[in-house]
mmCIF file of all heavy atoms, coordinates in Angstrom:
data_MODEL
# 
_entry.id   MODEL 
# 
loop_
_atom_site.group_PDB 
_atom_site.id 
_atom_site.type_symbol 
_atom_site.label_atom_id 
_atom_site.label_alt_id 
_atom_site.label_comp_id 
_atom_site.label_asym_id 
_atom_site.label_entity_id 
_atom_site.label_seq_id 
_atom_site.pdbx_PDB_ins_code 
_atom_site.Cartn_x 
_atom_site.Cartn_y 
_atom_site.Cartn_z 
_atom_site.occupancy 
_atom_site.B_iso_or_equiv 
_atom_site.pdbx_formal_charge 
_atom_site.auth_seq_id 
_atom_site.auth_comp_id 
_atom_site.auth_asym_id 
_atom_site.auth_atom_id 
_atom_site.pdbx_PDB_model_num 
ATOM 1   N N   . PHE A 1 1  ? 98.725  152.810 143.404 1.00 0.00 ? 1  PHE A N   1 
ATOM 2   C CA  . PHE A 1 1  ? 98.608  151.772 142.462 1.00 0.00 ? 1  PHE A CA  1 
ATOM 3   C C   . PHE A 1 1  ? 97.645  150.663 142.961 1.00 0.00 ? 1  PHE A C   1 
ATOM 4   O O   . PHE A 1 1  ? 97.849  150.076 144.008 1.00 0.00 ? 1  PHE A O   1 
ATOM 5   C CB  . PHE A 1 1  ? 100.066 151.167 142.187 1.00 0.00 ? 1  PHE A CB  1 
ATOM 6   C CG  . PHE A 1 1  ? 100.914 152.059 141.360 1.00 0.00 ? 1  PHE A CG  1 
ATOM 7   C CD1 . PHE A 1 1  ? 101.980 152.656 141.999 1.00 0.00 ? 1  PHE A CD1 1 
ATOM 8   C CD2 . PHE A 1 1  ? 100.616 152.325 140.064 1.00 0.00 ? 1  PHE A CD2 1 
ATOM 9   C CE1 . PHE A 1 1  ? 102.789 153.507 141.262 1.00 0.00 ? 1  PHE A CE1 1 
ATOM 10  C CE2 . PHE A 1 1  ? 101.440 153.179 139.335 1.00 0.00 ? 1  PHE A CE2 1 
ATOM 11  C CZ  . PHE A 1 1  ? 102.525 153.823 139.926 1.00 0.00 ? 1  PHE A CZ  1 
ATOM 12  N N   . GLN A 1 2  ? 96.675  150.342 142.194 1.00 0.00 ? 2  GLN A N   1 
ATOM 13  C CA  . GLN A 1 2  ? 95.696  149.256 142.438 1.00 0.00 ? 2  GLN A CA  1 
ATOM 14  C C   . GLN A 1 2  ? 95.707  148.341 141.220 1.00 0.00 ? 2  GLN A C   1 
ATOM 15  O O   . GLN A 1 2  ? 95.525  148.820 140.114 1.00 0.00 ? 2  GLN A O   1 
ATOM 16  C CB  . GLN A 1 2  ? 94.301  149.857 142.601 1.00 0.00 ? 2  GLN A CB  1 
ATOM 17  C CG  . GLN A 1 2  ? 94.235  150.830 143.777 1.00 0.00 ? 2  GLN A CG  1 
ATOM 18  C CD  . GLN A 1 2  ? 94.404  150.205 145.119 1.00 0.00 ? 2  GLN A CD  1 
ATOM 19  O OE1 . GLN A 1 2  ? 93.783  149.280 145.471 1.00 0.00 ? 2  GLN A OE1 1 
ATOM 20  N NE2 . GLN A 1 2  ? 95.347  150.711 145.859 1.00 0.00 ? 2  GLN A NE2 1 
ATOM 21  N N   . SER A 1 3  ? 95.921  147.072 141.527 1.00 0.00 ? 3  SER A N   1 
ATOM 22  C CA  . SER A 1 3  ? 96.044  146.106 140.376 1.00 0.00 ? 3  SER A CA  1 
ATOM 23  C C   . SER A 1 3  ? 95.708  144.703 140.904 1.00 0.00 ? 3  SER A C   1 
ATOM 24  O O   . SER A 1 3  ? 95.916  144.382 142.042 1.00 0.00 ? 3  SER A O   1 
ATOM 25  C CB  . SER A 1 3  ? 97.497  146.144 139.803 1.00 0.00 ? 3  SER A CB  1 
ATOM 26  O OG  . SER A 1 3  ? 97.679  145.104 138.926 1.00 0.00 ? 3  SER A OG  1 
ATOM 27  N N   . LYS A 1 4  ? 95.189  143.840 139.999 1.00 0.00 ? 4  LYS A N   1 
ATOM 28  C CA  . LYS A 1 4  ? 95.021  142.498 140.304 1.00 0.00 ? 4  LYS A CA  1 
ATOM 29  C C   . LYS A 1 4  ? 96.350  141.753 140.408 1.00 0.00 ? 4  LYS A C   1 
ATOM 30  O O   . LYS A 1 4  ? 96.385  140.733 141.102 1.00 0.00 ? 4  LYS A O   1 
ATOM 31  C CB  . LYS A 1 4  ? 94.193  141.782 139.194 1.00 0.00 ? 4  LYS A CB  1 
ATOM 32  C CG  . LYS A 1 4  ? 92.709  142.274 139.114 1.00 0.00 ? 4  LYS A CG  1 
ATOM 33  C CD  . LYS A 1 4  ? 91.922  141.517 138.059 1.00 0.00 ? 4  LYS A CD  1 
ATOM 34  C CE  . LYS A 1 4  ? 90.501  141.994 138.005 1.00 0.00 ? 4  LYS A CE  1 
ATOM 35  N NZ  . LYS A 1 4  ? 89.680  141.338 136.941 1.00 0.00 ? 4  LYS A NZ  1 
ATOM 36  N N   . ASN A 1 5  ? 97.329  142.259 139.776 1.00 0.00 ? 5  ASN A N   1 
ATOM 37  C CA  . ASN A 1 5  ? 98.688  141.751 139.921 1.00 0.00 ? 5  ASN A CA  1 
ATOM 38  C C   . ASN A 1 5  ? 99.291  142.474 141.101 1.00 0.00 ? 5  ASN A C   1 
ATOM 39  O O   . ASN A 1 5  ? 99.484  143.651 141.205 1.00 0.00 ? 5  ASN A O   1 
ATOM 40  C CB  . ASN A 1 5  ? 99.532  142.129 138.654 1.00 0.00 ? 5  ASN A CB  1 
ATOM 41  C CG  . ASN A 1 5  ? 100.952 141.560 138.718 1.00 0.00 ? 5  ASN A CG  1 
ATOM 42  O OD1 . ASN A 1 5  ? 101.423 141.115 139.799 1.00 0.00 ? 5  ASN A OD1 1 
ATOM 43  N ND2 . ASN A 1 5  ? 101.747 141.729 137.638 1.00 0.00 ? 5  ASN A ND2 1 
ATOM 44  N N   . ARG A 1 6  ? 99.520  141.632 142.130 1.00 0.00 ? 6  ARG A N   1 
ATOM 45  C CA  . ARG A 1 6  ? 99.897  142.158 143.473 1.00 0.00 ? 6  ARG A CA  1 
ATOM 46  C C   . ARG A 1 6  ? 101.185 142.987 143.509 1.00 0.00 ? 6  ARG A C   1 
ATOM 47  O O   . ARG A 1 6  ? 101.370 143.910 144.237 1.00 0.00 ? 6  ARG A O   1 
ATOM 48  C CB  . ARG A 1 6  ? 99.941  141.045 144.519 1.00 0.00 ? 6  ARG A CB  1 
ATOM 49  C CG  . ARG A 1 6  ? 98.605  140.493 144.852 1.00 0.00 ? 6  ARG A CG  1 
ATOM 50  C CD  . ARG A 1 6  ? 98.685  139.002 145.188 1.00 0.00 ? 6  ARG A CD  1 
ATOM 51  N NE  . ARG A 1 6  ? 99.566  138.753 146.250 1.00 0.00 ? 6  ARG A NE  1 
ATOM 52  C CZ  . ARG A 1 6  ? 99.151  138.827 147.569 1.00 0.00 ? 6  ARG A CZ  1 
ATOM 53  N NH1 . ARG A 1 6  ? 97.975  139.120 147.966 1.00 0.00 ? 6  ARG A NH1 1 
ATOM 54  N NH2 . ARG A 1 6  ? 100.102 138.580 148.527 1.00 0.00 ? 6  ARG A NH2 1 
ATOM 55  N N   . TYR A 1 7  ? 102.124 142.605 142.606 1.00 0.00 ? 7  TYR A N   1 
ATOM 56  C CA  . TYR A 1 7  ? 103.426 143.238 142.574 1.00 0.00 ? 7  TYR A CA  1 
ATOM 57  C C   . TYR A 1 7  ? 103.852 143.468 141.151 1.00 0.00 ? 7  TYR A C   1 
ATOM 58  O O   . TYR A 1 7  ? 104.733 142.869 140.577 1.00 0.00 ? 7  TYR A O   1 
ATOM 59  C CB  . TYR A 1 7  ? 104.492 142.410 143.248 1.00 0.00 ? 7  TYR A CB  1 
ATOM 60  C CG  . TYR A 1 7  ? 104.112 142.045 144.690 1.00 0.00 ? 7  TYR A CG  1 
ATOM 61  C CD1 . TYR A 1 7  ? 103.667 140.753 145.074 1.00 0.00 ? 7  TYR A CD1 1 
ATOM 62  C CD2 . TYR A 1 7  ? 104.279 142.957 145.734 1.00 0.00 ? 7  TYR A CD2 1 
ATOM 63  C CE1 . TYR A 1 7  ? 103.335 140.452 146.349 1.00 0.00 ? 7  TYR A CE1 1 
ATOM 64  C CE2 . TYR A 1 7  ? 103.934 142.659 147.033 1.00 0.00 ? 7  TYR A CE2 1 
ATOM 65  C CZ  . TYR A 1 7  ? 103.440 141.444 147.348 1.00 0.00 ? 7  TYR A CZ  1 
ATOM 66  O OH  . TYR A 1 7  ? 103.109 141.213 148.638 1.00 0.00 ? 7  TYR A OH  1 
ATOM 67  N N   . PRO A 1 8  ? 103.123 144.411 140.462 1.00 0.00 ? 8  PRO A N   1 
ATOM 68  C CA  . PRO A 1 8  ? 103.450 144.657 139.058 1.00 0.00 ? 8  PRO A CA  1 
ATOM 69  C C   . PRO A 1 8  ? 104.706 145.492 138.817 1.00 0.00 ? 8  PRO A C   1 
ATOM 70  O O   . PRO A 1 8  ? 105.195 146.220 139.713 1.00 0.00 ? 8  PRO A O   1 
ATOM 71  C CB  . PRO A 1 8  ? 102.209 145.528 138.642 1.00 0.00 ? 8  PRO A CB  1 
ATOM 72  C CG  . PRO A 1 8  ? 101.809 146.201 139.832 1.00 0.00 ? 8  PRO A CG  1 
ATOM 73  C CD  . PRO A 1 8  ? 102.076 145.268 140.993 1.00 0.00 ? 8  PRO A CD  1 
ATOM 74  N N   . GLU A 1 9  ? 105.182 145.342 137.591 1.00 0.00 ? 9  GLU A N   1 
ATOM 75  C CA  . GLU A 1 9  ? 106.368 146.207 137.182 1.00 0.00 ? 9  GLU A CA  1 
ATOM 76  C C   . GLU A 1 9  ? 105.763 147.555 136.786 1.00 0.00 ? 9  GLU A C   1 
ATOM 77  O O   . GLU A 1 9  ? 104.671 147.722 136.225 1.00 0.00 ? 9  GLU A O   1 
ATOM 78  C CB  . GLU A 1 9  ? 107.012 145.596 135.944 1.00 0.00 ? 9  GLU A CB  1 
ATOM 79  C CG  . GLU A 1 9  ? 107.667 144.270 136.265 1.00 0.00 ? 9  GLU A CG  1 
ATOM 80  C CD  . GLU A 1 9  ? 108.387 143.657 135.006 1.00 0.00 ? 9  GLU A CD  1 
ATOM 81  O OE1 . GLU A 1 9  ? 108.602 144.399 134.022 1.00 0.00 ? 9  GLU A OE1 1 
ATOM 82  O OE2 . GLU A 1 9  ? 108.664 142.479 134.981 1.00 0.00 ? 9  GLU A OE2 1 
ATOM 83  N N   . VAL A 1 10 ? 106.525 148.651 137.191 1.00 0.00 ? 10 VAL A N   1 
ATOM 84  C CA  . VAL A 1 10 ? 106.157 149.990 136.888 1.00 0.00 ? 10 VAL A CA  1 
ATOM 85  C C   . VAL A 1 10 ? 107.286 150.796 136.358 1.00 0.00 ? 10 VAL A C   1 
ATOM 86  O O   . VAL A 1 10 ? 108.389 150.705 136.918 1.00 0.00 ? 10 VAL A O   1 
ATOM 87  C CB  . VAL A 1 10 ? 105.609 150.672 138.215 1.00 0.00 ? 10 VAL A CB  1 
ATOM 88  C CG1 . VAL A 1 10 ? 105.279 152.131 137.918 1.00 0.00 ? 10 VAL A CG1 1 
ATOM 89  C CG2 . VAL A 1 10 ? 104.320 149.975 138.702 1.00 0.00 ? 10 VAL A CG2 1 
ATOM 90  N N   . THR A 1 11 ? 107.069 151.485 135.262 1.00 0.00 ? 11 THR A N   1 
ATOM 91  C CA  . THR A 1 11 ? 108.125 152.370 134.720 1.00 0.00 ? 11 THR A CA  1 
ATOM 92  C C   . THR A 1 11 ? 108.114 153.701 135.430 1.00 0.00 ? 11 THR A C   1 
ATOM 93  O O   . THR A 1 11 ? 107.142 154.083 135.979 1.00 0.00 ? 11 THR A O   1 
ATOM 94  C CB  . THR A 1 11 ? 107.984 152.522 133.208 1.00 0.00 ? 11 THR A CB  1 
ATOM 95  O OG1 . THR A 1 11 ? 106.780 153.280 132.987 1.00 0.00 ? 11 THR A OG1 1 
ATOM 96  C CG2 . THR A 1 11 ? 107.858 151.209 132.570 1.00 0.00 ? 11 THR A CG2 1 
ATOM 97  N N   . LEU A 1 12 ? 109.236 154.436 135.343 1.00 0.00 ? 12 LEU A N   1 
ATOM 98  C CA  . LEU A 1 12 ? 109.248 155.727 135.869 1.00 0.00 ? 12 LEU A CA  1 
ATOM 99  C C   . LEU A 1 12 ? 108.249 156.728 135.201 1.00 0.00 ? 12 LEU A C   1 
ATOM 100 O O   . LEU A 1 12 ? 107.793 157.643 135.829 1.00 0.00 ? 12 LEU A O   1 
ATOM 101 C CB  . LEU A 1 12 ? 110.689 156.264 135.804 1.00 0.00 ? 12 LEU A CB  1 
ATOM 102 C CG  . LEU A 1 12 ? 111.715 155.585 136.770 1.00 0.00 ? 12 LEU A CG  1 
ATOM 103 C CD1 . LEU A 1 12 ? 113.123 156.306 136.649 1.00 0.00 ? 12 LEU A CD1 1 
ATOM 104 C CD2 . LEU A 1 12 ? 111.299 155.695 138.177 1.00 0.00 ? 12 LEU A CD2 1 
ATOM 105 N N   . LEU A 1 13 ? 108.070 156.357 133.929 1.00 0.00 ? 13 LEU A N   1 
ATOM 106 C CA  . LEU A 1 13 ? 107.117 157.192 133.170 1.00 0.00 ? 13 LEU A CA  1 
ATOM 107 C C   . LEU A 1 13 ? 105.652 157.003 133.748 1.00 0.00 ? 13 LEU A C   1 
ATOM 108 O O   . LEU A 1 13 ? 104.907 157.966 133.877 1.00 0.00 ? 13 LEU A O   1 
ATOM 109 C CB  . LEU A 1 13 ? 107.134 156.816 131.651 1.00 0.00 ? 13 LEU A CB  1 
ATOM 110 C CG  . LEU A 1 13 ? 106.260 157.661 130.708 1.00 0.00 ? 13 LEU A CG  1 
ATOM 111 C CD1 . LEU A 1 13 ? 106.775 159.123 130.745 1.00 0.00 ? 13 LEU A CD1 1 
ATOM 112 C CD2 . LEU A 1 13 ? 106.353 157.101 129.326 1.00 0.00 ? 13 LEU A CD2 1 
ATOM 113 N N   . GLU A 1 14 ? 105.401 155.745 134.049 1.00 0.00 ? 14 GLU A N   1 
ATOM 114 C CA  . GLU A 1 14 ? 104.063 155.443 134.672 1.00 0.00 ? 14 GLU A CA  1 
ATOM 115 C C   . GLU A 1 14 ? 103.964 156.036 136.061 1.00 0.00 ? 14 GLU A C   1 
ATOM 116 O O   . GLU A 1 14 ? 102.889 156.509 136.453 1.00 0.00 ? 14 GLU A O   1 
ATOM 117 C CB  . GLU A 1 14 ? 103.841 153.887 134.752 1.00 0.00 ? 14 GLU A CB  1 
ATOM 118 C CG  . GLU A 1 14 ? 103.561 153.285 133.331 1.00 0.00 ? 14 GLU A CG  1 
ATOM 119 C CD  . GLU A 1 14 ? 103.570 151.799 133.400 1.00 0.00 ? 14 GLU A CD  1 
ATOM 120 O OE1 . GLU A 1 14 ? 104.408 151.163 134.212 1.00 0.00 ? 14 GLU A OE1 1 
ATOM 121 O OE2 . GLU A 1 14 ? 102.841 151.156 132.708 1.00 0.00 ? 14 GLU A OE2 1 
ATOM 122 N N   . LEU A 1 15 ? 105.059 156.020 136.730 1.00 0.00 ? 15 LEU A N   1 
ATOM 123 C CA  . LEU A 1 15 ? 105.105 156.603 138.102 1.00 0.00 ? 15 LEU A CA  1 
ATOM 124 C C   . LEU A 1 15 ? 104.810 158.076 138.007 1.00 0.00 ? 15 LEU A C   1 
ATOM 125 O O   . LEU A 1 15 ? 103.939 158.645 138.783 1.00 0.00 ? 15 LEU A O   1 
ATOM 126 C CB  . LEU A 1 15 ? 106.430 156.393 138.748 1.00 0.00 ? 15 LEU A CB  1 
ATOM 127 C CG  . LEU A 1 15 ? 106.657 157.034 140.097 1.00 0.00 ? 15 LEU A CG  1 
ATOM 128 C CD1 . LEU A 1 15 ? 105.715 156.473 141.139 1.00 0.00 ? 15 LEU A CD1 1 
ATOM 129 C CD2 . LEU A 1 15 ? 108.102 156.892 140.507 1.00 0.00 ? 15 LEU A CD2 1 
ATOM 130 N N   . SER A 1 16 ? 105.408 158.802 137.033 1.00 0.00 ? 16 SER A N   1 
ATOM 131 C CA  . SER A 1 16 ? 105.236 160.158 136.848 1.00 0.00 ? 16 SER A CA  1 
ATOM 132 C C   . SER A 1 16 ? 103.842 160.553 136.571 1.00 0.00 ? 16 SER A C   1 
ATOM 133 O O   . SER A 1 16 ? 103.177 161.511 137.014 1.00 0.00 ? 16 SER A O   1 
ATOM 134 C CB  . SER A 1 16 ? 106.215 160.731 135.801 1.00 0.00 ? 16 SER A CB  1 
ATOM 135 O OG  . SER A 1 16 ? 105.965 162.057 135.542 1.00 0.00 ? 16 SER A OG  1 
ATOM 136 N N   . ALA A 1 17 ? 103.178 159.658 135.705 1.00 0.00 ? 17 ALA A N   1 
ATOM 137 C CA  . ALA A 1 17 ? 101.771 159.947 135.272 1.00 0.00 ? 17 ALA A CA  1 
ATOM 138 C C   . ALA A 1 17 ? 100.865 159.716 136.462 1.00 0.00 ? 17 ALA A C   1 
ATOM 139 O O   . ALA A 1 17 ? 99.739  160.381 136.456 1.00 0.00 ? 17 ALA A O   1 
ATOM 140 C CB  . ALA A 1 17 ? 101.452 159.058 134.094 1.00 0.00 ? 17 ALA A CB  1 
ATOM 141 N N   . ALA A 1 18 ? 101.168 158.885 137.388 1.00 0.00 ? 18 ALA A N   1 
ATOM 142 C CA  . ALA A 1 18 ? 100.311 158.564 138.508 1.00 0.00 ? 18 ALA A CA  1 
ATOM 143 C C   . ALA A 1 18 ? 100.267 159.751 139.531 1.00 0.00 ? 18 ALA A C   1 
ATOM 144 O O   . ALA A 1 18 ? 99.346  159.857 140.301 1.00 0.00 ? 18 ALA A O   1 
ATOM 145 C CB  . ALA A 1 18 ? 100.755 157.292 139.201 1.00 0.00 ? 18 ALA A CB  1 
ATOM 146 N N   . LYS A 1 19 ? 101.385 160.533 139.539 1.00 0.00 ? 19 LYS A N   1 
ATOM 147 C CA  . LYS A 1 19 ? 101.422 161.730 140.382 1.00 0.00 ? 19 LYS A CA  1 
ATOM 148 C C   . LYS A 1 19 ? 101.299 161.403 141.820 1.00 0.00 ? 19 LYS A C   1 
ATOM 149 O O   . LYS A 1 19 ? 100.307 161.914 142.561 1.00 0.00 ? 19 LYS A O   1 
ATOM 150 C CB  . LYS A 1 19 ? 100.391 162.799 139.950 1.00 0.00 ? 19 LYS A CB  1 
ATOM 151 C CG  . LYS A 1 19 ? 100.654 163.309 138.517 1.00 0.00 ? 19 LYS A CG  1 
ATOM 152 C CD  . LYS A 1 19 ? 99.673  164.429 138.242 1.00 0.00 ? 19 LYS A CD  1 
ATOM 153 C CE  . LYS A 1 19 ? 99.822  164.940 136.708 1.00 0.00 ? 19 LYS A CE  1 
ATOM 154 N NZ  . LYS A 1 19 ? 101.295 165.359 136.466 1.00 0.00 ? 19 LYS A NZ  1 
ATOM 155 N N   . PRO A 1 20 ? 102.083 160.556 142.392 1.00 0.00 ? 20 PRO A N   1 
ATOM 156 C CA  . PRO A 1 20 ? 102.015 160.289 143.857 1.00 0.00 ? 20 PRO A CA  1 
ATOM 157 C C   . PRO A 1 20 ? 102.480 161.501 144.730 1.00 0.00 ? 20 PRO A C   1 
ATOM 158 O O   . PRO A 1 20 ? 103.291 162.297 144.209 1.00 0.00 ? 20 PRO A O   1 
ATOM 159 C CB  . PRO A 1 20 ? 102.992 159.124 143.995 1.00 0.00 ? 20 PRO A CB  1 
ATOM 160 C CG  . PRO A 1 20 ? 104.024 159.332 142.962 1.00 0.00 ? 20 PRO A CG  1 
ATOM 161 C CD  . PRO A 1 20 ? 103.285 159.883 141.800 1.00 0.00 ? 20 PRO A CD  1 
ATOM 162 N N   . ASP A 1 21 ? 101.960 161.583 145.854 1.00 0.00 ? 21 ASP A N   1 
ATOM 163 C CA  . ASP A 1 21 ? 102.396 162.602 146.821 1.00 0.00 ? 21 ASP A CA  1 
ATOM 164 C C   . ASP A 1 21 ? 103.725 162.137 147.464 1.00 0.00 ? 21 ASP A C   1 
ATOM 165 O O   . ASP A 1 21 ? 104.567 162.937 147.783 1.00 0.00 ? 21 ASP A O   1 
ATOM 166 C CB  . ASP A 1 21 ? 101.320 162.807 147.948 1.00 0.00 ? 21 ASP A CB  1 
ATOM 167 C CG  . ASP A 1 21 ? 100.078 163.385 147.348 1.00 0.00 ? 21 ASP A CG  1 
ATOM 168 O OD1 . ASP A 1 21 ? 100.089 164.311 146.563 1.00 0.00 ? 21 ASP A OD1 1 
ATOM 169 O OD2 . ASP A 1 21 ? 98.948  162.725 147.645 1.00 0.00 ? 21 ASP A OD2 1 
ATOM 170 N N   . LEU A 1 22 ? 103.740 160.824 147.689 1.00 0.00 ? 22 LEU A N   1 
ATOM 171 C CA  . LEU A 1 22 ? 104.896 160.195 148.426 1.00 0.00 ? 22 LEU A CA  1 
ATOM 172 C C   . LEU A 1 22 ? 105.389 159.012 147.635 1.00 0.00 ? 22 LEU A C   1 
ATOM 173 O O   . LEU A 1 22 ? 104.539 158.278 147.007 1.00 0.00 ? 22 LEU A O   1 
ATOM 174 C CB  . LEU A 1 22 ? 104.441 159.792 149.783 1.00 0.00 ? 22 LEU A CB  1 
ATOM 175 C CG  . LEU A 1 22 ? 103.913 160.845 150.760 1.00 0.00 ? 22 LEU A CG  1 
ATOM 176 C CD1 . LEU A 1 22 ? 103.322 160.175 152.021 1.00 0.00 ? 22 LEU A CD1 1 
ATOM 177 C CD2 . LEU A 1 22 ? 104.992 161.786 151.161 1.00 0.00 ? 22 LEU A CD2 1 
ATOM 178 N N   . ILE A 1 23 ? 106.706 158.778 147.697 1.00 0.00 ? 23 ILE A N   1 
ATOM 179 C CA  . ILE A 1 23 ? 107.286 157.596 147.115 1.00 0.00 ? 23 ILE A CA  1 
ATOM 180 C C   . ILE A 1 23 ? 108.050 156.897 148.217 1.00 0.00 ? 23 ILE A C   1 
ATOM 181 O O   . ILE A 1 23 ? 109.033 157.502 148.732 1.00 0.00 ? 23 ILE A O   1 
ATOM 182 C CB  . ILE A 1 23 ? 108.138 157.861 145.907 1.00 0.00 ? 23 ILE A CB  1 
ATOM 183 C CG1 . ILE A 1 23 ? 107.396 158.546 144.802 1.00 0.00 ? 23 ILE A CG1 1 
ATOM 184 C CG2 . ILE A 1 23 ? 108.881 156.688 145.393 1.00 0.00 ? 23 ILE A CG2 1 
ATOM 185 C CD1 . ILE A 1 23 ? 108.276 159.088 143.613 1.00 0.00 ? 23 ILE A CD1 1 
ATOM 186 N N   . PHE A 1 24 ? 107.695 155.693 148.595 1.00 0.00 ? 24 PHE A N   1 
ATOM 187 C CA  . PHE A 1 24 ? 108.330 154.885 149.676 1.00 0.00 ? 24 PHE A CA  1 
ATOM 188 C C   . PHE A 1 24 ? 109.286 153.913 148.962 1.00 0.00 ? 24 PHE A C   1 
ATOM 189 O O   . PHE A 1 24 ? 108.795 153.103 148.135 1.00 0.00 ? 24 PHE A O   1 
ATOM 190 C CB  . PHE A 1 24 ? 107.325 154.185 150.532 1.00 0.00 ? 24 PHE A CB  1 
ATOM 191 C CG  . PHE A 1 24 ? 106.564 155.132 151.460 1.00 0.00 ? 24 PHE A CG  1 
ATOM 192 C CD1 . PHE A 1 24 ? 105.516 154.550 152.219 1.00 0.00 ? 24 PHE A CD1 1 
ATOM 193 C CD2 . PHE A 1 24 ? 106.906 156.428 151.609 1.00 0.00 ? 24 PHE A CD2 1 
ATOM 194 C CE1 . PHE A 1 24 ? 104.765 155.406 153.036 1.00 0.00 ? 24 PHE A CE1 1 
ATOM 195 C CE2 . PHE A 1 24 ? 106.214 157.242 152.485 1.00 0.00 ? 24 PHE A CE2 1 
ATOM 196 C CZ  . PHE A 1 24 ? 105.181 156.728 153.223 1.00 0.00 ? 24 PHE A CZ  1 
ATOM 197 N N   . LEU A 1 25 ? 110.561 153.992 149.319 1.00 0.00 ? 25 LEU A N   1 
ATOM 198 C CA  . LEU A 1 25 ? 111.552 152.950 148.812 1.00 0.00 ? 25 LEU A CA  1 
ATOM 199 C C   . LEU A 1 25 ? 111.804 152.038 150.001 1.00 0.00 ? 25 LEU A C   1 
ATOM 200 O O   . LEU A 1 25 ? 112.492 152.454 150.979 1.00 0.00 ? 25 LEU A O   1 
ATOM 201 C CB  . LEU A 1 25 ? 112.789 153.644 148.338 1.00 0.00 ? 25 LEU A CB  1 
ATOM 202 C CG  . LEU A 1 25 ? 112.610 154.798 147.225 1.00 0.00 ? 25 LEU A CG  1 
ATOM 203 C CD1 . LEU A 1 25 ? 113.926 155.346 146.853 1.00 0.00 ? 25 LEU A CD1 1 
ATOM 204 C CD2 . LEU A 1 25 ? 111.864 154.207 146.056 1.00 0.00 ? 25 LEU A CD2 1 
ATOM 205 N N   . SER A 1 26 ? 111.439 150.758 149.838 1.00 0.00 ? 26 SER A N   1 
ATOM 206 C CA  . SER A 1 26 ? 111.538 149.862 150.977 1.00 0.00 ? 26 SER A CA  1 
ATOM 207 C C   . SER A 1 26 ? 112.942 149.305 151.138 1.00 0.00 ? 26 SER A C   1 
ATOM 208 O O   . SER A 1 26 ? 113.651 149.200 150.237 1.00 0.00 ? 26 SER A O   1 
ATOM 209 C CB  . SER A 1 26 ? 110.480 148.728 150.770 1.00 0.00 ? 26 SER A CB  1 
ATOM 210 O OG  . SER A 1 26 ? 110.538 147.849 151.842 1.00 0.00 ? 26 SER A OG  1 
ATOM 211 N N   . SER A 1 27 ? 113.185 148.944 152.386 1.00 0.00 ? 27 SER A N   1 
ATOM 212 C CA  . SER A 1 27 ? 114.483 148.288 152.682 1.00 0.00 ? 27 SER A CA  1 
ATOM 213 C C   . SER A 1 27 ? 114.534 146.872 152.304 1.00 0.00 ? 27 SER A C   1 
ATOM 214 O O   . SER A 1 27 ? 115.623 146.263 152.323 1.00 0.00 ? 27 SER A O   1 
ATOM 215 C CB  . SER A 1 27 ? 114.782 148.470 154.154 1.00 0.00 ? 27 SER A CB  1 
ATOM 216 O OG  . SER A 1 27 ? 113.788 147.782 154.946 1.00 0.00 ? 27 SER A OG  1 
ATOM 217 N N   . GLU A 1 28 ? 113.384 146.243 151.984 1.00 0.00 ? 28 GLU A N   1 
ATOM 218 C CA  . GLU A 1 28 ? 113.363 144.859 151.559 1.00 0.00 ? 28 GLU A CA  1 
ATOM 219 C C   . GLU A 1 28 ? 112.113 144.676 150.719 1.00 0.00 ? 28 GLU A C   1 
ATOM 220 O O   . GLU A 1 28 ? 111.083 145.411 150.764 1.00 0.00 ? 28 GLU A O   1 
ATOM 221 C CB  . GLU A 1 28 ? 113.286 143.954 152.823 1.00 0.00 ? 28 GLU A CB  1 
ATOM 222 C CG  . GLU A 1 28 ? 112.114 144.131 153.713 1.00 0.00 ? 28 GLU A CG  1 
ATOM 223 C CD  . GLU A 1 28 ? 111.988 143.100 154.786 1.00 0.00 ? 28 GLU A CD  1 
ATOM 224 O OE1 . GLU A 1 28 ? 113.022 142.889 155.494 1.00 0.00 ? 28 GLU A OE1 1 
ATOM 225 O OE2 . GLU A 1 28 ? 110.986 142.447 154.882 1.00 0.00 ? 28 GLU A OE2 1 
ATOM 226 N N   . PRO A 1 29 ? 112.135 143.601 149.876 1.00 0.00 ? 29 PRO A N   1 
ATOM 227 C CA  . PRO A 1 29 ? 113.226 142.643 149.631 1.00 0.00 ? 29 PRO A CA  1 
ATOM 228 C C   . PRO A 1 29 ? 114.407 143.256 148.921 1.00 0.00 ? 29 PRO A C   1 
ATOM 229 O O   . PRO A 1 29 ? 115.469 142.755 149.009 1.00 0.00 ? 29 PRO A O   1 
ATOM 230 C CB  . PRO A 1 29 ? 112.543 141.622 148.739 1.00 0.00 ? 29 PRO A CB  1 
ATOM 231 C CG  . PRO A 1 29 ? 111.401 142.278 148.070 1.00 0.00 ? 29 PRO A CG  1 
ATOM 232 C CD  . PRO A 1 29 ? 110.927 143.293 149.063 1.00 0.00 ? 29 PRO A CD  1 
# 
């Protein structure tokens, strides 16, 4: 994800369309 908005909202549908190899779920915030 590349965006001028540093921390944008993303839907699971948009995530699916982006086709990432990895999804990192952070411990924070």
